[in-house]
C-alpha atoms as a PDB file:
ATOM      1  CA  UNK A   1     135.674 -50.704 109.965  1.00  0.00           C
ATOM      2  CA  UNK A   2     133.462 -52.880 107.821  1.00  0.00           C
ATOM      3  CA  UNK A   3     129.627 -54.082 108.432  1.00  0.00           C
ATOM      4  CA  UNK A   4     128.220 -55.723 111.045  1.00  0.00           C
ATOM      5  CA  UNK A   5     126.294 -59.019 109.929  1.00  0.00           C
ATOM      6  CA  UNK A   6     122.799 -59.186 110.195  1.00  0.00           C
ATOM      7  CA  UNK A   7     122.378 -55.458 110.613  1.00  0.00           C
ATOM      8  CA  UNK A   8     120.396 -53.116 108.247  1.00  0.00           C
ATOM      9  CA  UNK A   9     122.255 -50.446 106.440  1.00  0.00           C
ATOM     10  CA  UNK A  10     120.347 -47.733 104.544  1.00  0.00           C
ATOM     11  CA  UNK A  11     120.819 -43.864 103.597  1.00  0.00           C
ATOM     12  CA  UNK A  12     118.071 -41.981 104.845  1.00  0.00           C
ATOM     13  CA  UNK A  13     117.428 -38.293 103.885  1.00  0.00           C
ATOM     14  CA  UNK A  14     113.932 -37.106 105.173  1.00  0.00           C
ATOM     15  CA  UNK A  15     111.280 -39.410 103.866  1.00  0.00           C
ATOM     16  CA  UNK A  16     113.461 -40.793 101.134  1.00  0.00           C
ATOM     17  CA  UNK A  17     115.401 -44.332 102.322  1.00  0.00           C
ATOM     18  CA  UNK A  18     117.973 -45.894 100.290  1.00  0.00           C
ATOM     19  CA  UNK A  19     118.594 -49.844 100.930  1.00  0.00           C
ATOM     20  CA  UNK A  20     122.288 -50.793 101.221  1.00  0.00           C
ATOM     21  CA  UNK A  21     122.296 -54.297 101.225  1.00  0.00           C
ATOM     22  CA  UNK A  22     123.361 -56.675  98.386  1.00  0.00           C
ATOM     23  CA  UNK A  23     126.342 -56.771  96.426  1.00  0.00           C
ATOM     24  CA  UNK A  24     128.741 -53.449  96.017  1.00  0.00           C
ATOM     25  CA  UNK A  25     130.517 -52.159  93.294  1.00  0.00           C
ATOM     26  CA  UNK A  26     133.711 -50.038  93.698  1.00  0.00           C
ATOM     27  CA  UNK A  27     136.483 -48.774  92.036  1.00  0.00           C
ATOM     28  CA  UNK A  28     140.087 -48.617  93.303  1.00  0.00           C
ATOM     29  CA  UNK A  29     141.109 -45.287  93.923  1.00  0.00           C
ATOM     30  CA  UNK A  30     144.796 -45.513  94.983  1.00  0.00           C
ATOM     31  CA  UNK A  31     147.119 -48.148  96.307  1.00  0.00           C
ATOM     32  CA  UNK A  32     149.162 -47.884  99.397  1.00  0.00           C
ATOM     33  CA  UNK A  33     152.371 -49.928  99.971  1.00  0.00           C
ATOM     34  CA  UNK A  34     152.715 -51.647 103.302  1.00  0.00           C
ATOM     35  CA  UNK A  35     153.782 -49.353 106.207  1.00  0.00           C
ATOM     36  CA  UNK A  36     156.234 -50.381 108.674  1.00  0.00           C
ATOM     37  CA  UNK A  37     155.033 -52.078 111.972  1.00  0.00           C
ATOM     38  CA  UNK A  38     153.710 -49.499 114.260  1.00  0.00           C
ATOM     39  CA  UNK A  39     153.738 -49.544 118.171  1.00  0.00           C
ATOM     40  CA  UNK A  40     150.482 -49.181 119.868  1.00  0.00           C
ATOM     41  CA  UNK A  41     150.955 -47.196 123.114  1.00  0.00           C
ATOM     42  CA  UNK A  42     147.731 -48.344 124.357  1.00  0.00           C
ATOM     43  CA  UNK A  43     148.852 -51.805 124.682  1.00  0.00           C
ATOM     44  CA  UNK A  44     151.814 -50.981 126.460  1.00  0.00           C
ATOM     45  CA  UNK A  45     151.994 -50.602 130.324  1.00  0.00           C
ATOM     46  CA  UNK A  46     150.836 -47.202 131.576  1.00  0.00           C
ATOM     47  CA  UNK A  47     150.577 -46.153 127.795  1.00  0.00           C
ATOM     48  CA  UNK A  48     146.847 -45.171 127.863  1.00  0.00           C
ATOM     49  CA  UNK A  49     147.223 -43.319 131.069  1.00  0.00           C
ATOM     50  CA  UNK A  50     150.426 -41.261 130.028  1.00  0.00           C
ATOM     51  CA  UNK A  51     149.316 -40.773 126.746  1.00  0.00           C
ATOM     52  CA  UNK A  52     145.373 -39.826 127.528  1.00  0.00           C
ATOM     53  CA  UNK A  53     145.155 -39.463 131.178  1.00  0.00           C
ATOM     54  CA  UNK A  54     148.248 -37.556 132.513  1.00  0.00           C
ATOM     55  CA  UNK A  55     147.933 -34.833 130.363  1.00  0.00           C
ATOM     56  CA  UNK A  56     144.859 -33.433 131.776  1.00  0.00           C
ATOM     57  CA  UNK A  57     145.861 -33.284 135.353  1.00  0.00           C
ATOM     58  CA  UNK A  58     146.307 -29.266 135.162  1.00  0.00           C
ATOM     59  CA  UNK A  59     142.469 -29.038 134.036  1.00  0.00           C
ATOM     60  CA  UNK A  60     139.884 -28.446 136.633  1.00  0.00           C
ATOM     61  CA  UNK A  61     137.340 -30.831 136.109  1.00  0.00           C
ATOM     62  CA  UNK A  62     133.917 -31.628 137.792  1.00  0.00           C
ATOM     63  CA  UNK A  63     133.969 -35.456 137.720  1.00  0.00           C
ATOM     64  CA  UNK A  64     134.352 -38.571 135.308  1.00  0.00           C
ATOM     65  CA  UNK A  65     132.402 -40.380 132.884  1.00  0.00           C
ATOM     66  CA  UNK A  66     133.618 -44.039 132.297  1.00  0.00           C
ATOM     67  CA  UNK A  67     132.439 -46.554 129.729  1.00  0.00           C
ATOM     68  CA  UNK A  68     134.645 -49.751 129.541  1.00  0.00           C
ATOM     69  CA  UNK A  69     134.885 -53.330 130.394  1.00  0.00           C
ATOM     70  CA  UNK A  70     134.347 -55.523 127.151  1.00  0.00           C
ATOM     71  CA  UNK A  71     138.035 -55.982 126.713  1.00  0.00           C
ATOM     72  CA  UNK A  72     137.857 -57.417 130.618  1.00  0.00           C
ATOM     73  CA  UNK A  73     135.315 -59.963 129.981  1.00  0.00           C
ATOM     74  CA  UNK A  74     137.851 -62.909 129.424  1.00  0.00           C
ATOM     75  CA  UNK A  75     139.430 -62.362 133.042  1.00  0.00           C
ATOM     76  CA  UNK A  76     136.348 -60.647 135.050  1.00  0.00           C
ATOM     77  CA  UNK A  77     137.277 -61.935 138.529  1.00  0.00           C
ATOM     78  CA  UNK A  78     139.776 -59.063 139.361  1.00  0.00           C
ATOM     79  CA  UNK A  79     137.864 -56.233 137.639  1.00  0.00           C
ATOM     80  CA  UNK A  80     136.529 -54.974 140.847  1.00  0.00           C
ATOM     81  CA  UNK A  81     139.849 -54.366 142.678  1.00  0.00           C
ATOM     82  CA  UNK A  82     141.789 -53.231 139.327  1.00  0.00           C
ATOM     83  CA  UNK A  83     138.453 -50.582 138.743  1.00  0.00           C
ATOM     84  CA  UNK A  84     138.583 -49.428 142.937  1.00  0.00           C
ATOM     85  CA  UNK A  85     142.345 -48.545 142.391  1.00  0.00           C
ATOM     86  CA  UNK A  86     142.034 -47.051 139.197  1.00  0.00           C
ATOM     87  CA  UNK A  87     139.333 -44.598 140.580  1.00  0.00           C
ATOM     88  CA  UNK A  88     141.595 -44.078 143.401  1.00  0.00           C
ATOM     89  CA  UNK A  89     144.582 -43.260 141.126  1.00  0.00           C
ATOM     90  CA  UNK A  90     142.660 -40.634 138.968  1.00  0.00           C
ATOM     91  CA  UNK A  91     141.213 -38.882 142.106  1.00  0.00           C
ATOM     92  CA  UNK A  92     144.578 -38.565 143.670  1.00  0.00           C
ATOM     93  CA  UNK A  93     145.968 -37.134 140.279  1.00  0.00           C
ATOM     94  CA  UNK A  94     143.609 -34.246 140.159  1.00  0.00           C
ATOM     95  CA  UNK A  95     143.873 -33.780 144.179  1.00  0.00           C
ATOM     96  CA  UNK A  96     140.390 -32.311 143.983  1.00  0.00           C
ATOM     97  CA  UNK A  97     138.833 -34.952 146.738  1.00  0.00           C
ATOM     98  CA  UNK A  98     136.529 -37.572 145.722  1.00  0.00           C
ATOM     99  CA  UNK A  99     135.528 -36.190 142.319  1.00  0.00           C
ATOM    100  CA  UNK A 100     132.263 -37.829 141.189  1.00  0.00           C
ATOM    101  CA  UNK A 101     132.795 -41.027 138.951  1.00  0.00           C
ATOM    102  CA  UNK A 102     129.885 -42.247 137.015  1.00  0.00           C
ATOM    103  CA  UNK A 103     130.438 -45.433 135.089  1.00  0.00           C
ATOM    104  CA  UNK A 104     128.167 -47.649 132.625  1.00  0.00           C
ATOM    105  CA  UNK A 105     127.529 -51.080 133.334  1.00  0.00           C
ATOM    106  CA  UNK A 106     127.977 -53.646 130.342  1.00  0.00           C
ATOM    107  CA  UNK A 107     124.875 -53.756 128.058  1.00  0.00           C
ATOM    108  CA  UNK A 108     123.561 -56.981 126.977  1.00  0.00           C
ATOM    109  CA  UNK A 109     125.644 -58.507 123.998  1.00  0.00           C
ATOM    110  CA  UNK A 110     125.957 -61.697 121.883  1.00  0.00           C
ATOM    111  CA  UNK A 111     122.891 -64.057 121.268  1.00  0.00           C
ATOM    112  CA  UNK A 112     119.925 -63.780 124.013  1.00  0.00           C
ATOM    113  CA  UNK A 113     119.795 -67.298 126.123  1.00  0.00           C
ATOM    114  CA  UNK A 114     119.166 -68.809 129.157  1.00  0.00           C
ATOM    115  CA  UNK A 115     121.127 -67.600 132.288  1.00  0.00           C
ATOM    116  CA  UNK A 116     124.336 -69.559 132.642  1.00  0.00           C
ATOM    117  CA  UNK A 117     127.106 -69.587 135.527  1.00  0.00           C
ATOM    118  CA  UNK A 118     130.071 -69.201 132.866  1.00  0.00           C
ATOM    119  CA  UNK A 119     128.425 -65.992 131.608  1.00  0.00           C
ATOM    120  CA  UNK A 120     131.812 -63.927 131.626  1.00  0.00           C
ATOM    121  CA  UNK A 121     129.663 -60.572 130.800  1.00  0.00           C
ATOM    122  CA  UNK A 122     127.212 -61.387 133.512  1.00  0.00           C
ATOM    123  CA  UNK A 123     130.281 -61.904 136.317  1.00  0.00           C
ATOM    124  CA  UNK A 124     132.017 -58.528 135.154  1.00  0.00           C
ATOM    125  CA  UNK A 125     128.411 -56.607 135.414  1.00  0.00           C
ATOM    126  CA  UNK A 126     128.598 -58.087 139.089  1.00  0.00           C
ATOM    127  CA  UNK A 127     132.278 -56.773 139.539  1.00  0.00           C
ATOM    128  CA  UNK A 128     131.055 -53.353 138.265  1.00  0.00           C
ATOM    129  CA  UNK A 129     128.089 -53.300 140.804  1.00  0.00           C
ATOM    130  CA  UNK A 130     130.269 -54.149 143.696  1.00  0.00           C
ATOM    131  CA  UNK A 131     132.257 -50.933 142.642  1.00  0.00           C
ATOM    132  CA  UNK A 132     129.320 -48.817 143.696  1.00  0.00           C
ATOM    133  CA  UNK A 133     130.904 -49.546 147.508  1.00  0.00           C
ATOM    134  CA  UNK A 134     133.385 -46.597 146.219  1.00  0.00           C
ATOM    135  CA  UNK A 135     132.006 -43.366 147.836  1.00  0.00           C
ATOM    136  CA  UNK A 136     130.555 -40.795 145.230  1.00  0.00           C
ATOM    137  CA  UNK A 137     130.213 -43.097 142.550  1.00  0.00           C
ATOM    138  CA  UNK A 138     126.966 -43.967 140.345  1.00  0.00           C
ATOM    139  CA  UNK A 139     126.378 -46.468 137.535  1.00  0.00           C
ATOM    140  CA  UNK A 140     123.984 -46.668 134.668  1.00  0.00           C
ATOM    141  CA  UNK A 141     122.366 -49.740 133.910  1.00  0.00           C
ATOM    142  CA  UNK A 142     122.149 -50.716 130.062  1.00  0.00           C
ATOM    143  CA  UNK A 143     121.027 -54.230 129.733  1.00  0.00           C
ATOM    144  CA  UNK A 144     118.182 -53.405 127.979  1.00  0.00           C
ATOM    145  CA  UNK A 145     119.809 -51.280 124.951  1.00  0.00           C
ATOM    146  CA  UNK A 146     122.386 -53.255 123.782  1.00  0.00           C
ATOM    147  CA  UNK A 147     122.493 -55.384 120.470  1.00  0.00           C
ATOM    148  CA  UNK A 148     123.530 -59.228 120.167  1.00  0.00           C
ATOM    149  CA  UNK A 149     125.635 -58.229 117.104  1.00  0.00           C
ATOM    150  CA  UNK A 150     127.134 -54.977 117.787  1.00  0.00           C
ATOM    151  CA  UNK A 151     129.531 -54.577 120.485  1.00  0.00           C
ATOM    152  CA  UNK A 152     128.806 -50.816 120.929  1.00  0.00           C
ATOM    153  CA  UNK A 153     124.978 -49.965 121.073  1.00  0.00           C
ATOM    154  CA  UNK A 154     123.490 -47.854 118.554  1.00  0.00           C
ATOM    155  CA  UNK A 155     121.356 -45.998 121.278  1.00  0.00           C
ATOM    156  CA  UNK A 156     123.953 -43.884 122.781  1.00  0.00           C
ATOM    157  CA  UNK A 157     121.366 -41.316 123.481  1.00  0.00           C
ATOM    158  CA  UNK A 158     119.472 -43.037 125.980  1.00  0.00           C
ATOM    159  CA  UNK A 159     123.053 -44.175 127.652  1.00  0.00           C
ATOM    160  CA  UNK A 160     123.880 -40.679 127.842  1.00  0.00           C
ATOM    161  CA  UNK A 161     120.578 -39.676 129.385  1.00  0.00           C
ATOM    162  CA  UNK A 162     121.028 -42.368 132.038  1.00  0.00           C
ATOM    163  CA  UNK A 163     124.525 -41.018 132.913  1.00  0.00           C
ATOM    164  CA  UNK A 164     123.284 -37.551 132.872  1.00  0.00           C
ATOM    165  CA  UNK A 165     120.551 -38.344 135.468  1.00  0.00           C
ATOM    166  CA  UNK A 166     123.231 -39.670 137.672  1.00  0.00           C
ATOM    167  CA  UNK A 167     125.003 -36.467 137.394  1.00  0.00           C
ATOM    168  CA  UNK A 168     122.065 -34.434 137.962  1.00  0.00           C
ATOM    169  CA  UNK A 169     121.780 -36.275 141.426  1.00  0.00           C
ATOM    170  CA  UNK A 170     125.440 -37.242 142.545  1.00  0.00           C
ATOM    171  CA  UNK A 171     126.982 -34.218 141.093  1.00  0.00           C
ATOM    172  CA  UNK A 172     124.360 -31.287 141.265  1.00  0.00           C
ATOM    173  CA  UNK A 173     122.341 -32.516 144.008  1.00  0.00           C
ATOM    174  CA  UNK A 174     118.958 -32.698 142.066  1.00  0.00           C
ATOM    175  CA  UNK A 175     116.305 -34.530 143.718  1.00  0.00           C
ATOM    176  CA  UNK A 176     115.363 -36.804 140.664  1.00  0.00           C
ATOM    177  CA  UNK A 177     115.263 -40.407 140.383  1.00  0.00           C
ATOM    178  CA  UNK A 178     118.591 -41.221 138.788  1.00  0.00           C
ATOM    179  CA  UNK A 179     118.842 -45.161 138.697  1.00  0.00           C
ATOM    180  CA  UNK A 180     116.860 -48.367 138.473  1.00  0.00           C
ATOM    181  CA  UNK A 181     116.410 -50.684 141.489  1.00  0.00           C
ATOM    182  CA  UNK A 182     119.626 -51.971 143.114  1.00  0.00           C
ATOM    183  CA  UNK A 183     119.562 -54.937 145.304  1.00  0.00           C
ATOM    184  CA  UNK A 184     119.812 -53.916 149.252  1.00  0.00           C
ATOM    185  CA  UNK A 185     118.947 -56.855 150.998  1.00  0.00           C
ATOM    186  CA  UNK A 186     118.262 -60.537 150.897  1.00  0.00           C
ATOM    187  CA  UNK A 187     116.132 -62.135 153.379  1.00  0.00           C
ATOM    188  CA  UNK A 188     114.578 -65.679 153.846  1.00  0.00           C
ATOM    189  CA  UNK A 189     110.871 -66.254 153.955  1.00  0.00           C
ATOM    190  CA  UNK A 190     110.212 -69.895 154.436  1.00  0.00           C
ATOM    191  CA  UNK A 191     111.105 -71.668 150.883  1.00  0.00           C
ATOM    192  CA  UNK A 192     111.182 -68.014 149.107  1.00  0.00           C
ATOM    193  CA  UNK A 193     113.616 -65.336 149.397  1.00  0.00           C
ATOM    194  CA  UNK A 194     112.359 -61.692 149.917  1.00  0.00           C
ATOM    195  CA  UNK A 195     114.396 -59.228 147.965  1.00  0.00           C
ATOM    196  CA  UNK A 196     114.703 -55.439 148.807  1.00  0.00           C
ATOM    197  CA  UNK A 197     115.834 -52.686 146.809  1.00  0.00           C
ATOM    198  CA  UNK A 198     116.950 -49.009 146.892  1.00  0.00           C
ATOM    199  CA  UNK A 199     116.192 -46.615 143.986  1.00  0.00           C
ATOM    200  CA  UNK A 200     112.695 -47.868 143.430  1.00  0.00           C
ATOM    201  CA  UNK A 201     111.340 -44.492 142.546  1.00  0.00           C
ATOM    202  CA  UNK A 202     107.581 -44.641 142.569  1.00  0.00           C
ATOM    203  CA  UNK A 203     107.649 -48.431 142.762  1.00  0.00           C
ATOM    204  CA  UNK A 204     108.662 -51.630 141.328  1.00  0.00           C
ATOM    205  CA  UNK A 205     107.478 -52.864 137.863  1.00  0.00           C
ATOM    206  CA  UNK A 206     108.014 -55.604 135.430  1.00  0.00           C
ATOM    207  CA  UNK A 207     107.463 -54.950 131.890  1.00  0.00           C
ATOM    208  CA  UNK A 208     105.490 -57.606 130.085  1.00  0.00           C
ATOM    209  CA  UNK A 209     103.994 -59.456 132.899  1.00  0.00           C
ATOM    210  CA  UNK A 210     105.414 -61.100 135.998  1.00  0.00           C
ATOM    211  CA  UNK A 211     108.961 -60.450 136.980  1.00  0.00           C
ATOM    212  CA  UNK A 212     111.555 -62.698 135.281  1.00  0.00           C
ATOM    213  CA  UNK A 213     115.032 -63.468 134.843  1.00  0.00           C
ATOM    214  CA  UNK A 214     115.551 -64.862 138.516  1.00  0.00           C
ATOM    215  CA  UNK A 215     117.207 -67.917 139.658  1.00  0.00           C
ATOM    216  CA  UNK A 216     117.992 -69.334 143.224  1.00  0.00           C
ATOM    217  CA  UNK A 217     120.313 -72.002 144.745  1.00  0.00           C
ATOM    218  CA  UNK A 218     120.650 -73.717 147.585  1.00  0.00           C
ATOM    219  CA  UNK A 219     123.500 -74.638 149.642  1.00  0.00           C
ATOM    220  CA  UNK A 220     124.920 -76.517 146.730  1.00  0.00           C
ATOM    221  CA  UNK A 221     125.297 -73.325 144.796  1.00  0.00           C
ATOM    222  CA  UNK A 222     123.569 -74.979 141.888  1.00  0.00           C
ATOM    223  CA  UNK A 223     121.050 -72.150 140.475  1.00  0.00           C
ATOM    224  CA  UNK A 224     117.469 -73.184 139.012  1.00  0.00           C
ATOM    225  CA  UNK A 225     114.788 -71.027 137.257  1.00  0.00           C
ATOM    226  CA  UNK A 226     112.765 -68.906 140.001  1.00  0.00           C
ATOM    227  CA  UNK A 227     109.362 -67.706 139.903  1.00  0.00           C
ATOM    228  CA  UNK A 228     109.079 -64.099 141.217  1.00  0.00           C
ATOM    229  CA  UNK A 229     106.408 -61.481 142.238  1.00  0.00           C
ATOM    230  CA  UNK A 230     106.276 -57.949 142.944  1.00  0.00           C
ATOM    231  CA  UNK A 231     104.953 -57.711 146.792  1.00  0.00           C
ATOM    232  CA  UNK A 232     105.000 -53.948 147.673  1.00  0.00           C
ATOM    233  CA  UNK A 233     108.440 -52.612 147.538  1.00  0.00           C
ATOM    234  CA  UNK A 234     110.049 -56.317 147.627  1.00  0.00           C
ATOM    235  CA  UNK A 235     110.331 -58.979 145.132  1.00  0.00           C
ATOM    236  CA  UNK A 236     109.701 -62.921 146.538  1.00  0.00           C
ATOM    237  CA  UNK A 237     111.317 -65.535 144.735  1.00  0.00           C
ATOM    238  CA  UNK A 238     111.231 -69.285 145.059  1.00  0.00           C
ATOM    239  CA  UNK A 239     111.691 -72.443 143.059  1.00  0.00           C
ATOM    240  CA  UNK A 240     110.017 -75.789 143.499  1.00  0.00           C
ATOM    241  CA  UNK A 241     113.357 -77.293 142.958  1.00  0.00           C
ATOM    242  CA  UNK A 242     115.174 -75.482 145.851  1.00  0.00           C
ATOM    243  CA  UNK A 243     113.696 -76.278 149.146  1.00  0.00           C
ATOM    244  CA  UNK A 244     116.132 -73.931 151.041  1.00  0.00           C
ATOM    245  CA  UNK A 245     117.119 -71.163 149.110  1.00  0.00           C
ATOM    246  CA  UNK A 246     120.258 -69.463 150.140  1.00  0.00           C
ATOM    247  CA  UNK A 247     121.406 -67.503 147.025  1.00  0.00           C
ATOM    248  CA  UNK A 248     119.566 -65.536 144.265  1.00  0.00           C
ATOM    249  CA  UNK A 249     120.609 -64.258 141.196  1.00  0.00           C
ATOM    250  CA  UNK A 250     119.224 -61.734 138.384  1.00  0.00           C
ATOM    251  CA  UNK A 251     119.738 -61.285 134.439  1.00  0.00           C
ATOM    252  CA  UNK A 252     122.808 -63.543 134.942  1.00  0.00           C
ATOM    253  CA  UNK A 253     123.533 -63.839 131.027  1.00  0.00           C
ATOM    254  CA  UNK A 254     125.453 -62.203 128.350  1.00  0.00           C
ATOM    255  CA  UNK A 255     122.218 -61.057 126.914  1.00  0.00           C
ATOM    256  CA  UNK A 256     119.648 -61.271 129.730  1.00  0.00           C
ATOM    257  CA  UNK A 257     116.517 -60.938 127.504  1.00  0.00           C
ATOM    258  CA  UNK A 258     113.939 -62.082 129.976  1.00  0.00           C
ATOM    259  CA  UNK A 259     114.893 -59.347 132.680  1.00  0.00           C
ATOM    260  CA  UNK A 260     111.992 -57.204 133.093  1.00  0.00           C
ATOM    261  CA  UNK A 261     112.359 -55.662 136.136  1.00  0.00           C
ATOM    262  CA  UNK A 262     112.288 -51.709 136.433  1.00  0.00           C
ATOM    263  CA  UNK A 263     111.162 -48.839 138.581  1.00  0.00           C
ATOM    264  CA  UNK A 264     107.867 -46.783 137.638  1.00  0.00           C
ATOM    265  CA  UNK A 265     110.331 -44.265 136.068  1.00  0.00           C
ATOM    266  CA  UNK A 266     111.363 -46.710 133.530  1.00  0.00           C
ATOM    267  CA  UNK A 267     114.931 -47.448 134.544  1.00  0.00           C
ATOM    268  CA  UNK A 268     116.160 -50.960 134.768  1.00  0.00           C
ATOM    269  CA  UNK A 269     117.192 -53.085 137.782  1.00  0.00           C
ATOM    270  CA  UNK A 270     120.908 -53.878 137.790  1.00  0.00           C
ATOM    271  CA  UNK A 271     121.818 -57.540 137.553  1.00  0.00           C
ATOM    272  CA  UNK A 272     122.794 -59.202 140.923  1.00  0.00           C
ATOM    273  CA  UNK A 273     124.211 -62.096 142.544  1.00  0.00           C
ATOM    274  CA  UNK A 274     123.857 -62.390 146.354  1.00  0.00           C
ATOM    275  CA  UNK A 275     123.829 -64.784 149.220  1.00  0.00           C
ATOM    276  CA  UNK A 276     122.436 -65.047 152.618  1.00  0.00           C
END
């Protein structure tokens, strides 16, 4: 509960808006004595599964929608393994085959800034992206709908729309562009790297100018900001500080404000890290 600092608050009814900023007056309506300490099952091993998943196993379902990962950003390195195991367990629990599993990649959060190797949010997004190697899965990219001062984005309608697009294609077989560009391959072109993508829809585009948010590295794995340009269905990236690039990453920050790669349908590219 409570308010989020620096976020505007108001009551709006039609054209009338009442600003809620400033000091508040209140009246104590009741006083509750201290309650005994509770045991929260969600913090105990198997607590969440037995309390919220196991009771649903006798229901026939069409698939799963999953939005989680924030609490794992302190230790993102094993998320890919744990996530794959959880998906497999849930599918075994229902015994309905490889049920569709759609999930949300972590949104942008915290103050925007330059890319940094220590970004746990970026690392966990990469762990989530890698989970697309599990059959019958889809991921909604949300690095453009989050907020720097709120863990839970207010624009849930857009997140829901992107999940719905994934379901239309993955679950119902509709011929729609369901996701933004996903890295497919990295190739060397002299001092540049050529990046090819899937899910480009009607073509690649960079909002607001040239593609931004890219970095490249040499054999020392030290990343430097890179320039990028759209060449047909590919992106060419390079840096004058890296003569022989072997690695590239995109949108590698807690809040990657510079990231602007989309397909023509308006769906953002997923952050990634890749090496030749």
